[in-house]
Amino acid sequence: MDPTSLLDQLRAAGFPVQHGRASAIRQLVLQAPAPVIARALDYHDKTTTHLVVEAGGTWSRYAAGDHRN
């Protein structure tokens, strides 16, 4: 079984799979800064920033960038 066939089976059974993915990402951006989630999931920073605003997140004081010494 591969992800595509699983997705097809879930859709055929009536599960709204896209809603589940969006809900999961919105939950993630509430738990960690949007740029961190973007880098981990290979999303664009603007996408996760938009999602955190939609979800009501408050990561307004996160200093993005490379903080390694």
PDB file of N, CA and C in Angstrom:
ATOM      1  N   MET A   1       0.851  -1.169   0.000  1.00  0.00           N
ATOM      2  CA  MET A   1       0.000   0.000   0.000  1.00  0.00           C
ATOM      3  C   MET A   1       0.897   1.232   0.000  1.00  0.00           C
ATOM      4  N   ASP A   2       0.541   2.195  -0.821  1.00  0.00           N
ATOM      5  CA  ASP A   2       1.287   3.443  -0.871  1.00  0.00           C
ATOM      6  C   ASP A   2       0.367   4.602  -0.464  1.00  0.00           C
ATOM      7  N   PRO A   3       0.912   5.795  -0.239  1.00  0.00           N
ATOM      8  CA  PRO A   3       0.088   6.921   0.220  1.00  0.00           C
ATOM      9  C   PRO A   3      -1.061   7.261  -0.725  1.00  0.00           C
ATOM     10  N   THR A   4      -0.836   7.133  -2.024  1.00  0.00           N
ATOM     11  CA  THR A   4      -1.889   7.467  -2.977  1.00  0.00           C
ATOM     12  C   THR A   4      -3.061   6.505  -2.879  1.00  0.00           C
ATOM     13  N   SER A   5      -2.776   5.220  -2.793  1.00  0.00           N
ATOM     14  CA  SER A   5      -3.875   4.256  -2.701  1.00  0.00           C
ATOM     15  C   SER A   5      -4.603   4.385  -1.368  1.00  0.00           C
ATOM     16  N   LEU A   6      -3.875   4.690  -0.309  1.00  0.00           N
ATOM     17  CA  LEU A   6      -4.515   4.913   0.987  1.00  0.00           C
ATOM     18  C   LEU A   6      -5.418   6.141   0.926  1.00  0.00           C
ATOM     19  N   LEU A   7      -4.925   7.202   0.297  1.00  0.00           N
ATOM     20  CA  LEU A   7      -5.721   8.412   0.138  1.00  0.00           C
ATOM     21  C   LEU A   7      -6.998   8.123  -0.642  1.00  0.00           C
ATOM     22  N   ASP A   8      -6.881   7.369  -1.720  1.00  0.00           N
ATOM     23  CA  ASP A   8      -8.046   7.010  -2.526  1.00  0.00           C
ATOM     24  C   ASP A   8      -9.059   6.197  -1.711  1.00  0.00           C
ATOM     25  N   GLN A   9      -8.564   5.279  -0.897  1.00  0.00           N
ATOM     26  CA  GLN A   9      -9.462   4.462  -0.082  1.00  0.00           C
ATOM     27  C   GLN A   9     -10.161   5.303   0.985  1.00  0.00           C
ATOM     28  N   LEU A  10      -9.444   6.231   1.585  1.00  0.00           N
ATOM     29  CA  LEU A  10     -10.061   7.104   2.585  1.00  0.00           C
ATOM     30  C   LEU A  10     -11.131   7.984   1.950  1.00  0.00           C
ATOM     31  N   ARG A  11     -10.833   8.515   0.784  1.00  0.00           N
ATOM     32  CA  ARG A  11     -11.834   9.336   0.075  1.00  0.00           C
ATOM     33  C   ARG A  11     -13.059   8.505  -0.283  1.00  0.00           C
ATOM     34  N   ALA A  12     -12.834   7.284  -0.766  1.00  0.00           N
ATOM     35  CA  ALA A  12     -13.949   6.411  -1.141  1.00  0.00           C
ATOM     36  C   ALA A  12     -14.825   6.075   0.060  1.00  0.00           C
ATOM     37  N   ALA A  13     -14.206   6.029   1.245  1.00  0.00           N
ATOM     38  CA  ALA A  13     -14.967   5.735   2.463  1.00  0.00           C
ATOM     39  C   ALA A  13     -15.664   6.980   3.023  1.00  0.00           C
ATOM     40  N   GLY A  14     -15.402   8.138   2.389  1.00  0.00           N
ATOM     41  CA  GLY A  14     -16.098   9.354   2.802  1.00  0.00           C
ATOM     42  C   GLY A  14     -15.357  10.226   3.795  1.00  0.00           C
ATOM     43  N   PHE A  15     -14.064   9.976   3.991  1.00  0.00           N
ATOM     44  CA  PHE A  15     -13.280  10.799   4.916  1.00  0.00           C
ATOM     45  C   PHE A  15     -12.775  12.047   4.216  1.00  0.00           C
ATOM     46  N   PRO A  16     -12.943  13.219   4.822  1.00  0.00           N
ATOM     47  CA  PRO A  16     -12.438  14.467   4.232  1.00  0.00           C
ATOM     48  C   PRO A  16     -10.945  14.625   4.526  1.00  0.00           C
ATOM     49  N   VAL A  17     -10.099  14.022   3.713  1.00  0.00           N
ATOM     50  CA  VAL A  17      -8.672  13.929   4.012  1.00  0.00           C
ATOM     51  C   VAL A  17      -7.958  15.274   3.998  1.00  0.00           C
ATOM     52  N   GLN A  18      -8.330  16.192   3.131  1.00  0.00           N
ATOM     53  CA  GLN A  18      -7.670  17.498   3.096  1.00  0.00           C
ATOM     54  C   GLN A  18      -7.927  18.280   4.381  1.00  0.00           C
ATOM     55  N   HIS A  19      -9.126  18.179   4.913  1.00  0.00           N
ATOM     56  CA  HIS A  19      -9.448  18.873   6.151  1.00  0.00           C
ATOM     57  C   HIS A  19      -8.590  18.367   7.305  1.00  0.00           C
ATOM     58  N   GLY A  20      -8.313  17.086   7.309  1.00  0.00           N
ATOM     59  CA  GLY A  20      -7.483  16.509   8.358  1.00  0.00           C
ATOM     60  C   GLY A  20      -6.061  17.024   8.310  1.00  0.00           C
ATOM     61  N   ARG A  21      -5.525  17.155   7.121  1.00  0.00           N
ATOM     62  CA  ARG A  21      -4.158  17.658   6.972  1.00  0.00           C
ATOM     63  C   ARG A  21      -4.084  19.115   7.422  1.00  0.00           C
ATOM     64  N   ALA A  22      -5.025  19.927   6.984  1.00  0.00           N
ATOM     65  CA  ALA A  22      -5.034  21.339   7.369  1.00  0.00           C
ATOM     66  C   ALA A  22      -5.206  21.495   8.877  1.00  0.00           C
ATOM     67  N   SER A  23      -6.056  20.691   9.462  1.00  0.00           N
ATOM     68  CA  SER A  23      -6.258  20.756  10.914  1.00  0.00           C
ATOM     69  C   SER A  23      -4.993  20.370  11.661  1.00  0.00           C
ATOM     70  N   ALA A  24      -4.311  19.366  11.168  1.00  0.00           N
ATOM     71  CA  ALA A  24      -3.072  18.926  11.825  1.00  0.00           C
ATOM     72  C   ALA A  24      -2.001  20.009  11.757  1.00  0.00           C
ATOM     73  N   ILE A  25      -1.869  20.667  10.617  1.00  0.00           N
ATOM     74  CA  ILE A  25      -0.862  21.723  10.489  1.00  0.00           C
ATOM     75  C   ILE A  25      -1.228  22.919  11.350  1.00  0.00           C
ATOM     76  N   ARG A  26      -2.511  23.271  11.400  1.00  0.00           N
ATOM     77  CA  ARG A  26      -2.937  24.381  12.279  1.00  0.00           C
ATOM     78  C   ARG A  26      -2.618  24.074  13.739  1.00  0.00           C
ATOM     79  N   GLN A  27      -2.789  22.847  14.140  1.00  0.00           N
ATOM     80  CA  GLN A  27      -2.458  22.457  15.515  1.00  0.00           C
ATOM     81  C   GLN A  27      -0.950  22.567  15.752  1.00  0.00           C
ATOM     82  N   LEU A  28      -0.161  22.167  14.780  1.00  0.00           N
ATOM     83  CA  LEU A  28       1.291  22.262  14.912  1.00  0.00           C
ATOM     84  C   LEU A  28       1.755  23.708  15.063  1.00  0.00           C
ATOM     85  N   VAL A  29       1.195  24.622  14.261  1.00  0.00           N
ATOM     86  CA  VAL A  29       1.648  26.013  14.339  1.00  0.00           C
ATOM     87  C   VAL A  29       1.202  26.697  15.621  1.00  0.00           C
ATOM     88  N   LEU A  30       0.261  26.106  16.320  1.00  0.00           N
ATOM     89  CA  LEU A  30      -0.101  26.637  17.642  1.00  0.00           C
ATOM     90  C   LEU A  30       0.875  26.168  18.712  1.00  0.00           C
ATOM     91  N   GLN A  31       1.596  25.093  18.431  1.00  0.00           N
ATOM     92  CA  GLN A  31       2.518  24.514  19.409  1.00  0.00           C
ATOM     93  C   GLN A  31       3.964  24.934  19.202  1.00  0.00           C
ATOM     94  N   ALA A  32       4.291  25.402  18.021  1.00  0.00           N
ATOM     95  CA  ALA A  32       5.663  25.802  17.706  1.00  0.00           C
ATOM     96  C   ALA A  32       5.617  26.962  16.719  1.00  0.00           C
ATOM     97  N   PRO A  33       6.676  27.744  16.653  1.00  0.00           N
ATOM     98  CA  PRO A  33       6.701  28.879  15.721  1.00  0.00           C
ATOM     99  C   PRO A  33       6.518  28.428  14.266  1.00  0.00           C
ATOM    100  N   ALA A  34       5.783  29.239  13.512  1.00  0.00           N
ATOM    101  CA  ALA A  34       5.494  28.917  12.114  1.00  0.00           C
ATOM    102  C   ALA A  34       6.741  28.655  11.282  1.00  0.00           C
ATOM    103  N   PRO A  35       7.826  29.439  11.420  1.00  0.00           N
ATOM    104  CA  PRO A  35       9.020  29.137  10.613  1.00  0.00           C
ATOM    105  C   PRO A  35       9.643  27.777  10.927  1.00  0.00           C
ATOM    106  N   VAL A  36       9.535  27.348  12.168  1.00  0.00           N
ATOM    107  CA  VAL A  36      10.065  26.035  12.548  1.00  0.00           C
ATOM    108  C   VAL A  36       9.247  24.936  11.872  1.00  0.00           C
ATOM    109  N   ILE A  37       7.934  25.073  11.896  1.00  0.00           N
ATOM    110  CA  ILE A  37       7.053  24.099  11.242  1.00  0.00           C
ATOM    111  C   ILE A  37       7.279  24.124   9.733  1.00  0.00           C
ATOM    112  N   ALA A  38       7.442  25.309   9.167  1.00  0.00           N
ATOM    113  CA  ALA A  38       7.676  25.423   7.726  1.00  0.00           C
ATOM    114  C   ALA A  38       8.939  24.673   7.322  1.00  0.00           C
ATOM    115  N   ARG A  39      10.000  24.865   8.065  1.00  0.00           N
ATOM    116  CA  ARG A  39      11.265  24.191   7.732  1.00  0.00           C
ATOM    117  C   ARG A  39      11.141  22.674   7.899  1.00  0.00           C
ATOM    118  N   ALA A  40      10.462  22.242   8.962  1.00  0.00           N
ATOM    119  CA  ALA A  40      10.336  20.807   9.232  1.00  0.00           C
ATOM    120  C   ALA A  40       9.490  20.093   8.176  1.00  0.00           C
ATOM    121  N   LEU A  41       8.462  20.766   7.663  1.00  0.00           N
ATOM    122  CA  LEU A  41       7.543  20.135   6.715  1.00  0.00           C
ATOM    123  C   LEU A  41       7.786  20.559   5.274  1.00  0.00           C
ATOM    124  N   ASP A  42       8.816  21.363   5.047  1.00  0.00           N
ATOM    125  CA  ASP A  42       9.151  21.873   3.718  1.00  0.00           C
ATOM    126  C   ASP A  42       8.008  22.701   3.135  1.00  0.00           C
ATOM    127  N   TYR A  43       7.431  23.566   3.966  1.00  0.00           N
ATOM    128  CA  TYR A  43       6.430  24.529   3.536  1.00  0.00           C
ATOM    129  C   TYR A  43       7.099  25.894   3.430  1.00  0.00           C
ATOM    130  N   HIS A  44       6.461  26.817   2.754  1.00  0.00           N
ATOM    131  CA  HIS A  44       6.963  28.189   2.701  1.00  0.00           C
ATOM    132  C   HIS A  44       6.597  28.887   4.009  1.00  0.00           C
ATOM    133  N   ASP A  45       7.476  29.761   4.494  1.00  0.00           N
ATOM    134  CA  ASP A  45       7.219  30.489   5.744  1.00  0.00           C
ATOM    135  C   ASP A  45       5.894  31.249   5.714  1.00  0.00           C
ATOM    136  N   LYS A  46       5.578  31.844   4.573  1.00  0.00           N
ATOM    137  CA  LYS A  46       4.333  32.621   4.482  1.00  0.00           C
ATOM    138  C   LYS A  46       3.104  31.736   4.640  1.00  0.00           C
ATOM    139  N   THR A  47       3.188  30.510   4.162  1.00  0.00           N
ATOM    140  CA  THR A  47       2.060  29.585   4.294  1.00  0.00           C
ATOM    141  C   THR A  47       1.790  29.269   5.758  1.00  0.00           C
ATOM    142  N   THR A  48       2.824  28.913   6.498  1.00  0.00           N
ATOM    143  CA  THR A  48       2.612  28.570   7.903  1.00  0.00           C
ATOM    144  C   THR A  48       2.281  29.808   8.735  1.00  0.00           C
ATOM    145  N   THR A  49       2.808  30.976   8.349  1.00  0.00           N
ATOM    146  CA  THR A  49       2.454  32.208   9.055  1.00  0.00           C
ATOM    147  C   THR A  49       0.978  32.511   8.860  1.00  0.00           C
ATOM    148  N   HIS A  50       0.486  32.312   7.646  1.00  0.00           N
ATOM    149  CA  HIS A  50      -0.943  32.501   7.367  1.00  0.00           C
ATOM    150  C   HIS A  50      -1.783  31.528   8.193  1.00  0.00           C
ATOM    151  N   LEU A  51      -1.333  30.292   8.297  1.00  0.00           N
ATOM    152  CA  LEU A  51      -2.071  29.288   9.068  1.00  0.00           C
ATOM    153  C   LEU A  51      -2.095  29.617  10.561  1.00  0.00           C
ATOM    154  N   VAL A  52      -1.003  30.151  11.090  1.00  0.00           N
ATOM    155  CA  VAL A  52      -0.983  30.492  12.516  1.00  0.00           C
ATOM    156  C   VAL A  52      -1.941  31.649  12.798  1.00  0.00           C
ATOM    157  N   VAL A  53      -2.055  32.579  11.870  1.00  0.00           N
ATOM    158  CA  VAL A  53      -3.012  33.678  12.036  1.00  0.00           C
ATOM    159  C   VAL A  53      -4.437  33.138  12.005  1.00  0.00           C
ATOM    160  N   GLU A  54      -4.713  32.241  11.051  1.00  0.00           N
ATOM    161  CA  GLU A  54      -6.041  31.619  10.973  1.00  0.00           C
ATOM    162  C   GLU A  54      -6.389  30.854  12.244  1.00  0.00           C
ATOM    163  N   ALA A  55      -5.383  30.205  12.817  1.00  0.00           N
ATOM    164  CA  ALA A  55      -5.611  29.377  14.003  1.00  0.00           C
ATOM    165  C   ALA A  55      -5.639  30.188  15.290  1.00  0.00           C
ATOM    166  N   GLY A  56      -5.311  31.479  15.208  1.00  0.00           N
ATOM    167  CA  GLY A  56      -5.338  32.326  16.401  1.00  0.00           C
ATOM    168  C   GLY A  56      -4.081  32.243  17.235  1.00  0.00           C
ATOM    169  N   GLY A  57      -2.975  31.859  16.623  1.00  0.00           N
ATOM    170  CA  GLY A  57      -1.711  31.736  17.347  1.00  0.00           C
ATOM    171  C   GLY A  57      -1.107  33.078  17.706  1.00  0.00           C
ATOM    172  N   THR A  58      -0.158  33.047  18.624  1.00  0.00           N
ATOM    173  CA  THR A  58       0.441  34.285  19.127  1.00  0.00           C
ATOM    174  C   THR A  58       1.962  34.253  19.101  1.00  0.00           C
ATOM    175  N   TRP A  59       2.556  33.649  18.102  1.00  0.00           N
ATOM    176  CA  TRP A  59       4.019  33.591  18.019  1.00  0.00           C
ATOM    177  C   TRP A  59       4.567  34.880  17.418  1.00  0.00           C
ATOM    178  N   SER A  60       4.150  36.029  17.936  1.00  0.00           N
ATOM    179  CA  SER A  60       4.554  37.299  17.347  1.00  0.00           C
ATOM    180  C   SER A  60       5.963  37.730  17.738  1.00  0.00           C
ATOM    181  N   ARG A  61       6.553  37.131  18.757  1.00  0.00           N
ATOM    182  CA  ARG A  61       7.873  37.558  19.203  1.00  0.00           C
ATOM    183  C   ARG A  61       8.970  36.555  18.887  1.00  0.00           C
ATOM    184  N   TYR A  62       8.698  35.656  17.980  1.00  0.00           N
ATOM    185  CA  TYR A  62       9.705  34.665  17.601  1.00  0.00           C
ATOM    186  C   TYR A  62      10.704  35.302  16.646  1.00  0.00           C
ATOM    187  N   ALA A  63      11.966  35.216  16.957  1.00  0.00           N
ATOM    188  CA  ALA A  63      13.015  35.761  16.095  1.00  0.00           C
ATOM    189  C   ALA A  63      13.465  34.682  15.119  1.00  0.00           C
ATOM    190  N   ALA A  64      13.016  34.795  13.897  1.00  0.00           N
ATOM    191  CA  ALA A  64      13.363  33.800  12.889  1.00  0.00           C
ATOM    192  C   ALA A  64      14.831  33.908  12.510  1.00  0.00           C
ATOM    193  N   GLY A  65      15.350  32.847  11.967  1.00  0.00           N
ATOM    194  CA  GLY A  65      16.742  32.848  11.511  1.00  0.00           C
ATOM    195  C   GLY A  65      17.526  31.724  12.141  1.00  0.00           C
ATOM    196  N   ASP A  66      18.770  31.669  11.790  1.00  0.00           N
ATOM    197  CA  ASP A  66      19.663  30.633  12.286  1.00  0.00           C
ATOM    198  C   ASP A  66      20.265  31.097  13.613  1.00  0.00           C
ATOM    199  N   HIS A  67      19.968  30.391  14.700  1.00  0.00           N
ATOM    200  CA  HIS A  67      20.429  30.779  16.027  1.00  0.00           C
ATOM    201  C   HIS A  67      21.542  29.882  16.550  1.00  0.00           C
ATOM    202  N   ARG A  68      22.124  29.095  15.658  1.00  0.00           N
ATOM    203  CA  ARG A  68      23.239  28.242  16.074  1.00  0.00           C
ATOM    204  C   ARG A  68      24.500  29.073  16.181  1.00  0.00           C
ATOM    205  N   ASN A  69      25.345  28.754  17.145  1.00  0.00           N
ATOM    206  CA  ASN A  69      26.617  29.486  17.302  1.00  0.00           C
ATOM    207  C   ASN A  69      27.728  28.782  16.621  1.00  0.00           C
TER     208      ASN A  69
END
